[in-house]
Amino acid sequence: MTPEQLIAYDKDHIWHPYTSMQRPIPAYAVASASGVEITLETGEVLVDGTSSWWTALHGYNHPALNAAATEQLGKMSHIMFGGLTHAPAVNLAKQLIDMTADNLQHVFFADSGSVGVEVSIKMALQYWIAQGRSEKHKLLTVRSGYHGDTFAAMSVCDPVNGMHDMFTGVLVKHLFAEAPPIHKAGDDWNPSDINSFKAMITQHHAEVAAVILEPIVQNAGGIRFYHPEYLRQVRALCDEFDVLLILDEIATGFGRTGKMFAYEHADIQPDILVLGKALTGGYMTLSAVLTSREVAHGIGSDGQGVLMHGPTFMANPLACAVSVKSIELLLASNWQTRVSNIEQQMTAELEPCRSLSIVADVRTKGAIGVVELKEPVDSFWIQPRLVELGVWIRPFGKLVYIMPPFIIEPTELSKLTAAICTVVSEMNAH
């Protein structure tokens, strides 16, 4: 097919994320991608500002990741994980256990971030059932959170401002505290910020199995940064009231916030940790749920505690092999310096947007840069305009944001920030 035929057939027949078949947002046909550049079938070359939804830390078409995938393909692309194991899964599990909090000693591999969240919720519920405390069956979380699009994950996303409010009547009803206030570097901790959460856990702890949170950064719920002390207080309250703490680091893991994992900003340990997205360096889908010995052994403490979950493509060898190499690349790189430099450059280059009347806030943390508007963007206008400017940025809601690959060069990053400033200025002029 010609590029035009590809796009026409796609528009008529293929569903894309968060879009309508009646009035789909335009899709652009990609021919290839390399480094931080996406080449369209029509020949345009775009600087990628989203890391393919926050996954491609090392950019695209990386020779070391390609080689890892090719080598594994020569052995086996997949083998069932029921009753069998393989070196890529064992090596990846060891990497993850070695690099995460000391208490996390067991790994469950799943298909995707959302499925990882489902598994973490099952773990928490089954843990308390095995302790003979089945009354602890609720989850406590905060507003403005996002944990995925499957049903248990949807039930702990923001019930009003999230993407799933139409399903309210069929989702399990959980408990929501107020969202932690947005925190900027240098802001003092306000002890009252924890009051809503503290009141909820104090009142409901007898029925709460676990708290689930995105540590430090609430991502798809608004890319909101909050104070590390909030997370420390949550950990302390979970300990006080005998509640498990699940941390969803699907979006924040592997260096995105300037720490390898965002919970390190608060110097705490979760009981259950969910990883995904950047785990494979953006090559394919995989997630990992890590948990403590207490939780893993507790699930089996009633003598029957088989964790009732087993995805067909669990621990896919191809995904695990690429993940092992991606983590090796990250650990061997100067990623902390790169992320710090990205943050400083974005902070300086996005700041001029703050003076525009349509802008509510400008904020950065690690390799995350956000211009928040006062009103939602017009996706049908802004997406083609950004492509005209030679960048791939995917705004949503009121947010025009970037999470670039860590390998991005300053000139490429400037092209992204300049494009944001341009489109926001043009919207402001109208």
Protein backbone atom coordinates (compact mmCIF):
# COMPACT_ATOMS: atom_id res chain seq x y z
CA MET A 1 0.00 0.00 0.00
CA THR A 2 1.02 3.60 -0.50
CA PRO A 3 1.29 5.75 2.65
CA GLU A 4 -2.08 7.27 1.79
CA GLN A 5 -3.67 3.81 1.39
CA LEU A 6 -2.19 2.66 4.70
CA ILE A 7 -3.64 5.62 6.53
CA ALA A 8 -7.02 5.34 4.80
CA TYR A 9 -7.40 1.64 5.62
CA ASP A 10 -6.25 2.25 9.17
CA LYS A 11 -8.79 5.05 9.61
CA ASP A 12 -11.64 2.86 8.36
CA HIS A 13 -10.84 -0.34 10.24
CA ILE A 14 -8.35 -0.06 13.11
CA TRP A 15 -9.03 1.18 16.61
CA HIS A 16 -6.31 3.27 18.25
CA PRO A 17 -5.95 4.04 21.98
CA TYR A 18 -8.53 6.38 23.49
CA THR A 19 -10.13 7.32 20.20
CA SER A 20 -13.43 6.94 18.36
CA MET A 21 -14.09 4.98 15.18
CA GLN A 22 -16.60 7.65 14.17
CA ARG A 23 -14.19 10.57 14.45
CA PRO A 24 -10.69 9.14 14.91
CA ILE A 25 -7.75 11.35 15.75
CA PRO A 26 -5.40 11.26 12.72
CA ALA A 27 -2.77 8.49 12.79
CA TYR A 28 0.60 8.81 11.05
CA ALA A 29 2.19 5.83 9.30
CA VAL A 30 5.69 5.10 10.61
CA ALA A 31 8.27 3.55 8.29
CA SER A 32 11.12 3.21 10.80
CA ALA A 33 12.63 4.62 13.97
CA SER A 34 16.23 4.99 15.08
CA GLY A 35 17.84 6.80 18.00
CA VAL A 36 15.38 9.53 18.96
CA GLU A 37 13.96 9.94 15.45
CA ILE A 38 10.76 8.55 13.95
CA THR A 39 10.61 8.42 10.13
CA LEU A 40 7.13 8.51 8.62
CA GLU A 41 6.14 6.66 5.43
CA THR A 42 5.74 10.08 3.82
CA GLY A 43 9.39 10.92 4.55
CA GLU A 44 9.11 13.38 7.44
CA VAL A 45 11.50 12.81 10.32
CA LEU A 46 10.20 13.61 13.84
CA VAL A 47 12.12 13.97 17.09
CA ASP A 48 10.40 11.69 19.60
CA GLY A 49 9.32 13.39 22.82
CA THR A 50 7.33 10.56 24.39
CA SER A 51 9.70 7.55 24.34
CA SER A 52 6.73 5.61 22.95
CA TRP A 53 4.65 6.20 26.07
CA TRP A 54 7.68 6.35 28.36
CA THR A 55 9.30 3.05 27.37
CA ALA A 56 12.20 3.66 24.94
CA LEU A 57 14.91 4.80 27.39
CA HIS A 58 17.72 4.04 24.96
CA GLY A 59 15.91 5.26 21.85
CA TYR A 60 14.92 3.06 18.92
CA ASN A 61 16.71 0.37 16.95
CA HIS A 62 19.52 0.09 19.48
CA PRO A 63 22.20 -2.30 18.22
CA ALA A 64 22.76 -3.99 21.60
CA LEU A 65 19.03 -4.58 22.14
CA ASN A 66 18.62 -5.75 18.55
CA ALA A 67 21.48 -8.22 19.08
CA ALA A 68 19.94 -9.53 22.30
CA ALA A 69 16.62 -10.10 20.56
CA THR A 70 18.27 -11.74 17.53
CA GLU A 71 20.35 -14.08 19.70
CA GLN A 72 17.30 -15.13 21.68
CA LEU A 73 15.25 -15.64 18.51
CA GLY A 74 17.85 -18.18 17.42
CA LYS A 75 17.12 -20.22 20.57
CA MET A 76 13.38 -19.77 21.19
CA SER A 77 11.04 -16.82 21.04
CA HIS A 78 8.65 -18.32 23.59
CA ILE A 79 8.15 -21.29 25.85
CA MET A 80 5.41 -21.82 28.41
CA PHE A 81 6.38 -20.92 31.99
CA GLY A 82 4.23 -23.59 33.62
CA GLY A 83 6.67 -26.22 34.86
CA LEU A 84 9.54 -24.78 32.79
CA THR A 85 12.07 -22.00 33.27
CA HIS A 86 14.88 -20.43 31.26
CA ALA A 87 17.99 -18.30 31.65
CA PRO A 88 16.49 -14.98 30.45
CA ALA A 89 13.78 -15.12 33.15
CA VAL A 90 16.19 -16.16 35.90
CA ASN A 91 18.78 -13.54 34.90
CA LEU A 92 16.13 -10.80 34.75
CA ALA A 93 14.69 -11.79 38.12
CA LYS A 94 18.17 -11.63 39.67
CA GLN A 95 18.79 -8.19 38.15
CA LEU A 96 15.50 -6.85 39.50
CA ILE A 97 16.00 -8.33 42.97
CA ASP A 98 19.55 -6.93 43.12
CA MET A 99 18.56 -3.41 42.08
CA THR A 100 15.32 -2.92 44.05
CA ALA A 101 14.65 -2.59 47.79
CA ASP A 102 16.29 -5.25 49.98
CA ASN A 103 12.98 -6.69 51.17
CA LEU A 104 11.79 -7.49 47.61
CA GLN A 105 12.87 -11.09 46.99
CA HIS A 106 10.23 -12.67 44.76
CA VAL A 107 9.25 -11.88 41.15
CA PHE A 108 6.08 -12.62 39.17
CA PHE A 109 6.32 -11.84 35.44
CA ALA A 110 3.18 -10.64 33.65
CA ASP A 111 2.21 -9.38 30.20
CA SER A 112 1.75 -5.65 30.70
CA GLY A 113 1.55 -2.89 33.29
CA SER A 114 -2.20 -3.22 33.74
CA VAL A 115 -1.93 -6.98 34.23
CA GLY A 116 0.90 -6.39 36.71
CA VAL A 117 -1.44 -4.15 38.71
CA GLU A 118 -4.12 -6.87 38.61
CA VAL A 119 -1.58 -9.38 39.93
CA SER A 120 -0.47 -7.03 42.73
CA ILE A 121 -4.07 -6.56 43.85
CA LYS A 122 -4.67 -10.32 43.77
CA MET A 123 -1.51 -10.83 45.86
CA ALA A 124 -2.68 -8.37 48.50
CA LEU A 125 -6.20 -9.82 48.74
CA GLN A 126 -4.97 -13.41 48.77
CA TYR A 127 -2.39 -12.60 51.46
CA TRP A 128 -5.10 -11.52 53.89
CA ILE A 129 -7.40 -14.40 52.96
CA ALA A 130 -4.54 -16.77 53.84
CA GLN A 131 -4.17 -15.01 57.20
CA GLY A 132 -7.83 -15.70 57.93
CA ARG A 133 -8.65 -12.00 57.60
CA SER A 134 -10.87 -11.91 54.53
CA GLU A 135 -12.57 -8.77 55.85
CA LYS A 136 -9.47 -6.89 54.60
CA HIS A 137 -10.72 -6.76 51.02
CA LYS A 138 -10.67 -3.07 50.07
CA LEU A 139 -7.96 -0.94 48.49
CA LEU A 140 -7.12 2.59 49.58
CA THR A 141 -5.61 5.02 47.10
CA VAL A 142 -5.64 8.73 46.24
CA ARG A 143 -7.45 10.79 43.66
CA SER A 144 -5.69 11.78 40.39
CA GLY A 145 -4.10 8.32 40.19
CA TYR A 146 -3.92 6.05 37.16
CA HIS A 147 -3.06 2.35 37.22
CA GLY A 148 -4.26 0.93 33.89
CA ASP A 149 -7.29 0.04 31.82
CA THR A 150 -8.21 -3.48 32.99
CA PHE A 151 -11.01 -3.82 35.51
CA ALA A 152 -9.21 -4.08 38.86
CA ALA A 153 -6.78 -1.40 37.68
CA MET A 154 -9.64 0.87 36.59
CA SER A 155 -11.23 0.52 40.02
CA VAL A 156 -8.26 2.31 41.65
CA CYS A 157 -7.94 5.07 39.04
CA ASP A 158 -9.45 8.47 39.82
CA PRO A 159 -13.22 7.79 39.81
CA VAL A 160 -14.24 11.26 38.60
CA ASN A 161 -11.44 12.78 36.54
CA GLY A 162 -9.99 9.51 35.28
CA MET A 163 -10.79 7.90 31.94
CA HIS A 164 -13.15 5.28 33.35
CA ASP A 165 -15.99 7.15 35.03
CA MET A 166 -18.55 5.56 32.67
CA PHE A 167 -17.82 2.20 34.31
CA THR A 168 -18.47 3.42 37.85
CA GLY A 169 -21.58 1.30 38.24
CA VAL A 170 -19.80 -1.99 37.49
CA LEU A 171 -16.40 -1.45 39.12
CA VAL A 172 -15.60 -2.62 42.64
CA LYS A 173 -15.83 0.42 44.92
CA HIS A 174 -12.61 1.21 46.74
CA LEU A 175 -11.53 4.06 49.04
CA PHE A 176 -10.05 7.35 47.83
CA ALA A 177 -8.23 10.00 49.83
CA GLU A 178 -7.62 13.46 48.43
CA ALA A 179 -4.72 13.71 45.99
CA PRO A 180 -1.43 14.87 47.49
CA PRO A 181 -0.80 18.54 46.64
CA ILE A 182 1.60 19.30 43.80
CA HIS A 183 5.10 19.84 45.17
CA LYS A 184 7.89 21.88 43.61
CA ALA A 185 11.59 21.55 44.42
CA GLY A 186 12.38 23.60 47.50
CA ASP A 187 8.80 23.66 48.80
CA ASP A 188 8.53 22.89 52.52
CA TRP A 189 6.52 19.91 53.69
CA ASN A 190 3.11 20.87 55.04
CA PRO A 191 2.06 18.31 57.68
CA SER A 192 -1.62 18.88 56.89
CA ASP A 193 -1.09 17.44 53.39
CA ILE A 194 -1.39 13.91 54.79
CA ASN A 195 -4.59 14.60 56.77
CA SER A 196 -7.07 13.21 54.25
CA PHE A 197 -5.11 10.00 53.76
CA LYS A 198 -4.51 9.61 57.50
CA ALA A 199 -8.22 10.03 58.23
CA MET A 200 -9.17 7.41 55.62
CA ILE A 201 -6.71 4.76 56.77
CA THR A 202 -7.52 5.42 60.44
CA GLN A 203 -11.23 4.94 59.80
CA HIS A 204 -11.09 2.02 57.34
CA HIS A 205 -7.91 0.05 58.10
CA ALA A 206 -9.84 -2.99 59.36
CA GLU A 207 -11.19 -3.53 55.84
CA VAL A 208 -8.16 -2.29 53.84
CA ALA A 209 -5.90 -4.95 52.35
CA ALA A 210 -3.48 -2.56 50.68
CA VAL A 211 -2.72 0.99 49.69
CA ILE A 212 -1.79 1.43 46.02
CA LEU A 213 0.02 4.56 44.85
CA GLU A 214 2.24 5.90 42.11
CA PRO A 215 5.27 7.09 44.09
CA ILE A 216 6.29 10.77 43.79
CA VAL A 217 4.73 11.26 40.30
CA GLN A 218 1.07 10.69 39.44
CA ASN A 219 1.39 10.11 35.73
CA ALA A 220 -1.60 9.74 33.40
CA GLY A 221 -3.82 11.30 36.08
CA GLY A 222 -2.20 14.67 35.49
CA ILE A 223 1.61 14.25 35.74
CA ARG A 224 1.54 15.65 39.28
CA PHE A 225 4.71 15.67 41.41
CA TYR A 226 4.27 15.36 45.17
CA HIS A 227 6.49 15.67 48.26
CA PRO A 228 8.62 12.63 49.27
CA GLU A 229 7.52 13.14 52.87
CA TYR A 230 3.96 12.26 51.80
CA LEU A 231 5.19 8.85 50.70
CA ARG A 232 7.17 8.39 53.94
CA GLN A 233 4.05 9.19 55.94
CA VAL A 234 1.99 6.71 53.88
CA ARG A 235 4.55 3.97 54.58
CA ALA A 236 4.49 4.74 58.31
CA LEU A 237 0.68 4.70 58.42
CA CYS A 238 0.55 1.39 56.53
CA ASP A 239 2.93 -0.07 59.12
CA GLU A 240 0.92 1.36 62.00
CA PHE A 241 -2.39 0.00 60.75
CA ASP A 242 -1.21 -3.36 59.33
CA VAL A 243 -1.87 -2.54 55.65
CA LEU A 244 0.28 -3.60 52.68
CA LEU A 245 1.80 -0.94 50.42
CA ILE A 246 1.75 -1.49 46.65
CA LEU A 247 3.83 0.95 44.62
CA ASP A 248 3.04 1.28 40.91
CA GLU A 249 6.34 2.24 39.26
CA ILE A 250 5.26 1.24 35.76
CA ALA A 251 5.88 4.77 34.48
CA THR A 252 8.47 6.02 37.00
CA GLY A 253 10.83 3.04 37.20
CA PHE A 254 14.29 2.84 35.62
CA GLY A 255 15.49 6.38 36.18
CA ARG A 256 12.71 8.57 34.82
CA THR A 257 12.43 10.75 37.98
CA GLY A 258 16.19 11.04 38.55
CA LYS A 259 16.32 8.05 40.91
CA MET A 260 16.39 4.47 39.63
CA PHE A 261 13.00 3.99 41.31
CA ALA A 262 10.85 6.85 42.53
CA TYR A 263 10.35 5.36 46.01
CA GLU A 264 14.07 6.04 46.59
CA HIS A 265 13.24 9.77 46.86
CA ALA A 266 11.49 8.88 50.15
CA ASP A 267 13.94 6.17 51.24
CA ILE A 268 11.20 3.61 51.87
CA GLN A 269 10.46 0.03 50.84
CA PRO A 270 7.14 -1.19 49.39
CA ASP A 271 5.60 -4.57 50.16
CA ILE A 272 4.75 -5.04 46.48
CA LEU A 273 6.34 -3.23 43.51
CA VAL A 274 4.93 -3.19 39.97
CA LEU A 275 7.29 -2.50 37.03
CA GLY A 276 6.59 -2.27 33.30
CA LYS A 277 6.95 0.16 30.37
CA ALA A 278 10.72 0.83 30.27
CA LEU A 279 11.49 -2.68 31.57
CA THR A 280 12.21 -3.91 28.02
CA GLY A 281 13.63 -0.61 26.78
CA GLY A 282 10.48 -0.17 24.71
CA TYR A 283 10.94 -3.32 22.62
CA MET A 284 7.91 -5.35 23.67
CA THR A 285 5.39 -5.80 26.42
CA LEU A 286 6.41 -7.22 29.81
CA SER A 287 5.84 -6.40 33.46
CA ALA A 288 7.21 -7.65 36.74
CA VAL A 289 5.63 -7.70 40.19
CA LEU A 290 8.14 -7.93 43.03
CA THR A 291 7.14 -8.72 46.56
CA SER A 292 8.57 -9.39 49.99
CA ARG A 293 9.13 -12.84 51.48
CA GLU A 294 6.44 -12.02 54.04
CA VAL A 295 3.83 -11.49 51.34
CA ALA A 296 4.96 -14.34 49.08
CA HIS A 297 5.15 -16.87 51.91
CA GLY A 298 2.08 -15.41 53.58
CA ILE A 299 -0.02 -16.19 50.52
CA GLY A 300 0.84 -19.84 51.06
CA SER A 301 0.60 -19.86 54.84
CA ASP A 302 -2.82 -21.55 54.86
CA GLY A 303 -1.34 -24.54 53.06
CA GLN A 304 -3.34 -23.84 49.90
CA GLY A 305 -1.91 -20.51 48.80
CA VAL A 306 -1.33 -20.99 45.10
CA LEU A 307 -1.30 -17.55 43.48
CA MET A 308 -4.13 -17.91 41.00
CA HIS A 309 -2.65 -16.19 38.00
CA GLY A 310 -0.68 -17.44 35.00
CA PRO A 311 -0.56 -15.45 31.75
CA THR A 312 0.07 -17.52 28.61
CA PHE A 313 3.07 -15.38 27.65
CA MET A 314 4.37 -15.05 31.22
CA ALA A 315 8.16 -14.53 31.32
CA ASN A 316 8.37 -14.55 27.53
CA PRO A 317 12.06 -15.39 26.82
CA LEU A 318 12.40 -12.83 24.04
CA ALA A 319 11.09 -10.00 26.26
CA CYS A 320 13.19 -11.16 29.22
CA ALA A 321 16.39 -11.34 27.13
CA VAL A 322 15.92 -7.82 25.82
CA SER A 323 15.10 -6.58 29.34
CA VAL A 324 18.32 -8.05 30.71
CA LYS A 325 20.32 -6.19 28.06
CA SER A 326 18.35 -2.96 28.51
CA ILE A 327 19.04 -2.95 32.25
CA GLU A 328 22.73 -3.69 31.61
CA LEU A 329 22.87 -0.72 29.23
CA LEU A 330 21.18 1.54 31.76
CA LEU A 331 23.40 0.53 34.66
CA ALA A 332 26.56 0.95 32.53
CA SER A 333 25.53 4.41 31.31
CA ASN A 334 25.80 7.84 32.92
CA TRP A 335 22.01 7.95 33.11
CA GLN A 336 21.89 10.07 36.29
CA THR A 337 23.88 12.85 34.62
CA ARG A 338 21.84 12.60 31.43
CA VAL A 339 18.53 12.79 33.32
CA SER A 340 19.79 15.71 35.40
CA ASN A 341 20.89 17.58 32.27
CA ILE A 342 17.55 16.90 30.58
CA GLU A 343 15.72 18.27 33.63
CA GLN A 344 17.82 21.44 33.76
CA GLN A 345 17.41 22.12 30.05
CA MET A 346 13.65 21.50 30.06
CA THR A 347 13.23 23.71 33.13
CA ALA A 348 14.99 26.61 31.42
CA GLU A 349 13.43 26.19 27.97
CA LEU A 350 9.81 25.59 29.04
CA GLU A 351 9.74 28.37 31.64
CA PRO A 352 8.77 31.13 29.13
CA CYS A 353 5.39 29.38 28.70
CA ARG A 354 4.50 30.31 32.29
CA SER A 355 3.83 33.93 31.33
CA LEU A 356 1.07 32.98 28.86
CA SER A 357 -2.48 33.52 30.04
CA ILE A 358 -3.69 30.03 29.01
CA VAL A 359 -0.97 28.30 31.04
CA ALA A 360 -1.78 27.04 34.54
CA ASP A 361 1.65 25.64 35.42
CA VAL A 362 5.06 24.58 34.11
CA ARG A 363 6.87 21.81 35.97
CA THR A 364 9.74 19.38 35.51
CA LYS A 365 11.13 16.42 37.40
CA GLY A 366 13.87 14.16 36.08
CA ALA A 367 13.23 13.49 32.40
CA ILE A 368 9.60 14.68 32.64
CA GLY A 369 8.56 18.12 31.42
CA VAL A 370 5.00 19.46 31.57
CA VAL A 371 3.15 22.55 30.45
CA GLU A 372 -0.32 22.41 32.00
CA LEU A 373 -2.99 24.54 30.36
CA LYS A 374 -6.16 25.90 31.91
CA GLU A 375 -8.36 24.20 29.31
CA PRO A 376 -8.04 20.87 27.42
CA VAL A 377 -6.09 20.91 24.17
CA ASP A 378 -7.75 20.43 20.77
CA SER A 379 -6.12 17.17 19.67
CA PHE A 380 -7.35 17.56 16.10
CA TRP A 381 -5.38 20.81 15.79
CA ILE A 382 -2.38 20.35 18.04
CA GLN A 383 -1.19 16.94 16.83
CA PRO A 384 -0.81 17.89 13.14
CA ARG A 385 0.76 21.20 14.14
CA LEU A 386 3.41 19.43 16.24
CA VAL A 387 4.16 17.10 13.32
CA GLU A 388 4.58 20.17 11.10
CA LEU A 389 7.16 21.39 13.60
CA GLY A 390 9.09 18.11 13.25
CA VAL A 391 8.34 16.53 16.62
CA TRP A 392 6.29 13.65 18.00
CA ILE A 393 4.57 14.85 21.18
CA ARG A 394 1.24 13.39 22.30
CA PRO A 395 -0.67 15.89 24.47
CA PHE A 396 -3.65 14.74 26.52
CA GLY A 397 -6.27 16.59 28.52
CA LYS A 398 -4.77 19.91 29.63
CA LEU A 399 -1.19 18.67 29.38
CA VAL A 400 1.46 19.24 26.74
CA TYR A 401 4.32 17.15 28.05
CA ILE A 402 7.52 15.35 27.07
CA MET A 403 9.33 12.30 28.48
CA PRO A 404 12.20 11.93 25.99
CA PRO A 405 14.64 9.02 25.66
CA PHE A 406 17.65 9.43 27.94
CA ILE A 407 19.99 9.45 24.91
CA ILE A 408 18.52 12.67 23.52
CA GLU A 409 21.05 15.38 22.61
CA PRO A 410 20.58 19.03 23.70
CA THR A 411 19.81 20.21 20.14
CA GLU A 412 17.12 17.53 19.77
CA LEU A 413 15.64 18.38 23.16
CA SER A 414 15.57 22.06 22.20
CA LYS A 415 13.52 21.15 19.14
CA LEU A 416 10.94 19.54 21.44
CA THR A 417 10.78 22.42 23.92
CA ALA A 418 10.65 25.00 21.11
CA ALA A 419 7.73 23.16 19.52
CA ILE A 420 5.84 23.18 22.83
CA CYS A 421 6.47 26.90 23.28
CA THR A 422 5.34 27.54 19.71
CA VAL A 423 2.04 25.66 19.89
CA VAL A 424 1.18 27.03 23.32
CA SER A 425 1.96 30.57 22.14
CA GLU A 426 -0.21 30.05 19.04
CA MET A 427 -3.10 28.80 21.18
CA ASN A 428 -2.63 31.75 23.50
CA ALA A 429 -2.83 34.16 20.56
CA HIS A 430 -6.25 32.82 19.67
